[in-house]
Amino acid sequence: MAGSQRTRPYHAGAAGATSVAEAEILFSAAAARQLIATLPAGAVILKAWVQVLTAFNATVSNLVTVGSGAIGAAEADDIVATVTEGTPGIYASVADTALLVPLTAATDVYVYYTPGAADATTGKARAFVEFVRLAANG
């Protein structure tokens, strides 16, 4: 299994209530993306983070990011871009002020894993996105 998506709402559906969505990605999902959640238009991302549970061990490089578009390093849509994939730990989102803007359209948010070499044999991470639904989006 390449990874798994679990949306864990803490009161999703109520305007103003915070929700957290979570997805897991494994080394075997190389050059792939795993859906964390589809956020509604007008939702505001409060924060995001990645928890590396097992180090990713590709010999050249490892790249784990959270974003909504292209897979790659330093993309404009990166929500979490600075992850030390070879070291278990928790890595936070980009500057919070970049997140606190209502989404203009429904947006799929993904976690990505891209190794620099195809020889990874370990690696497991969970990505989380905390967001709030505004009254304007029900």
Protein backbone atom coordinates (compact mmCIF):
# COMPACT_ATOMS: atom_id res chain seq x y z
CA MET A 1 0.00 0.00 0.00
CA ALA A 2 1.47 3.34 -1.06
CA GLY A 3 -0.02 5.37 1.75
CA SER A 4 -3.33 6.04 3.36
CA GLN A 5 -5.61 9.01 3.84
CA ARG A 6 -7.47 9.61 7.05
CA THR A 7 -9.44 12.74 7.65
CA ARG A 8 -9.90 13.26 11.34
CA PRO A 9 -12.38 16.05 11.89
CA TYR A 10 -12.66 17.47 15.36
CA HIS A 11 -16.03 19.04 14.57
CA ALA A 12 -15.98 19.40 10.82
CA GLY A 13 -19.10 20.81 9.34
CA ALA A 14 -19.64 23.56 11.86
CA ALA A 15 -18.56 26.99 10.67
CA GLY A 16 -15.74 28.31 12.83
CA ALA A 17 -14.79 24.86 14.13
CA THR A 18 -11.27 23.60 13.66
CA SER A 19 -10.67 20.38 11.70
CA VAL A 20 -7.52 18.33 11.28
CA ALA A 21 -6.89 16.06 8.30
CA GLU A 22 -4.10 13.48 8.23
CA ALA A 23 -2.45 11.29 5.62
CA GLU A 24 0.42 8.84 5.77
CA ILE A 25 3.07 8.39 3.09
CA LEU A 26 5.60 5.58 2.77
CA PHE A 27 8.92 5.23 0.93
CA SER A 28 7.15 2.87 -1.49
CA ALA A 29 5.06 5.83 -2.73
CA ALA A 30 8.14 7.34 -4.40
CA ALA A 31 7.40 10.22 -6.78
CA ALA A 32 3.76 10.06 -5.84
CA ARG A 33 1.38 12.18 -3.85
CA GLN A 34 -1.15 11.19 -1.23
CA LEU A 35 -4.33 13.21 -0.72
CA ILE A 36 -4.64 14.66 2.77
CA ALA A 37 -7.98 16.41 2.21
CA THR A 38 -10.03 18.52 -0.14
CA LEU A 39 -10.57 21.84 1.61
CA PRO A 40 -13.63 23.91 0.67
CA ALA A 41 -13.45 27.36 -0.91
CA GLY A 42 -13.09 29.97 1.81
CA ALA A 43 -11.43 27.59 4.27
CA VAL A 44 -8.37 28.93 6.08
CA ILE A 45 -5.35 26.73 6.74
CA LEU A 46 -4.21 27.47 10.28
CA LYS A 47 -1.12 25.28 10.29
CA ALA A 48 0.40 22.13 8.87
CA TRP A 49 3.14 19.81 9.94
CA VAL A 50 4.89 16.57 9.03
CA GLN A 51 5.87 13.90 11.52
CA VAL A 52 8.65 11.65 10.19
CA LEU A 53 8.13 8.34 11.98
CA THR A 54 10.78 6.26 10.17
CA ALA A 55 13.72 7.90 8.39
CA PHE A 56 13.63 7.94 4.57
CA ASN A 57 16.91 6.45 3.39
CA ALA A 58 17.39 7.02 -0.35
CA THR A 59 21.12 7.55 -0.85
CA VAL A 60 21.00 10.73 -2.95
CA SER A 61 18.24 12.81 -1.36
CA ASN A 62 14.75 12.57 0.03
CA LEU A 63 12.04 15.18 -0.35
CA VAL A 64 8.82 15.26 1.67
CA THR A 65 6.58 18.28 1.20
CA VAL A 66 2.96 19.27 1.75
CA GLY A 67 1.24 21.40 -0.87
CA SER A 68 -1.56 21.70 -3.36
CA GLY A 69 0.05 21.50 -6.78
CA ALA A 70 3.33 20.50 -8.35
CA ILE A 71 5.63 17.97 -6.72
CA GLY A 72 9.06 19.40 -6.05
CA ALA A 73 11.28 21.47 -3.83
CA ALA A 74 10.51 25.14 -3.22
CA GLU A 75 7.19 25.21 -5.08
CA ALA A 76 5.04 28.29 -4.52
CA ASP A 77 2.21 26.15 -3.13
CA ASP A 78 4.33 24.43 -0.45
CA ILE A 79 2.72 24.51 2.97
CA VAL A 80 5.45 22.41 4.61
CA ALA A 81 8.75 22.52 2.74
CA THR A 82 11.53 22.10 5.29
CA VAL A 83 11.54 18.48 6.43
CA THR A 84 14.66 16.57 7.45
CA GLU A 85 13.43 13.32 5.95
CA GLY A 86 16.37 11.28 7.25
CA THR A 87 15.68 12.22 10.87
CA PRO A 88 12.48 11.27 12.72
CA GLY A 89 10.81 14.31 14.24
CA ILE A 90 8.15 16.96 13.69
CA TYR A 91 8.55 19.68 11.08
CA ALA A 92 6.29 22.75 10.95
CA SER A 93 4.65 24.71 8.17
CA VAL A 94 5.98 27.77 6.41
CA ALA A 95 5.35 31.15 8.05
CA ASP A 96 1.85 31.21 9.52
CA THR A 97 1.03 34.53 7.88
CA ALA A 98 1.34 32.85 4.47
CA LEU A 99 -1.39 30.40 5.48
CA LEU A 100 -4.02 32.67 6.98
CA VAL A 101 -5.70 33.58 3.69
CA PRO A 102 -9.09 32.09 2.70
CA LEU A 103 -8.85 29.66 -0.21
CA THR A 104 -10.43 31.06 -3.37
CA ALA A 105 -11.58 27.62 -4.58
CA ALA A 106 -11.90 24.08 -3.25
CA THR A 107 -8.31 22.84 -2.94
CA ASP A 108 -6.79 19.37 -2.74
CA VAL A 109 -3.88 19.27 -0.28
CA TYR A 110 -1.31 16.51 -0.69
CA VAL A 111 1.79 15.10 0.96
CA TYR A 112 4.56 14.24 -1.51
CA TYR A 113 7.60 11.99 -1.28
CA THR A 114 10.28 12.23 -3.96
CA PRO A 115 13.57 10.36 -3.51
CA GLY A 116 16.68 11.49 -5.35
CA ALA A 117 17.47 7.83 -6.01
CA ALA A 118 15.19 4.83 -6.38
CA ASP A 119 16.91 2.78 -3.69
CA ALA A 120 14.97 3.79 -0.57
CA THR A 121 14.05 0.84 1.64
CA THR A 122 12.61 2.69 4.65
CA GLY A 123 10.57 5.78 5.30
CA LYS A 124 7.24 6.64 6.82
CA ALA A 125 5.69 10.01 7.62
CA ARG A 126 2.33 11.49 8.55
CA ALA A 127 1.23 14.88 7.32
CA PHE A 128 -1.38 17.00 9.08
CA VAL A 129 -3.36 20.07 8.02
CA GLU A 130 -5.37 22.07 10.54
CA PHE A 131 -8.04 24.28 8.96
CA VAL A 132 -11.20 26.15 9.81
CA ARG A 133 -14.39 26.38 7.79
CA LEU A 134 -15.76 29.89 7.57
CA ALA A 135 -19.48 30.73 7.62
CA ALA A 136 -19.22 31.64 3.93
CA ASN A 137 -18.48 28.01 3.02
CA GLY A 138 -21.07 26.38 5.22
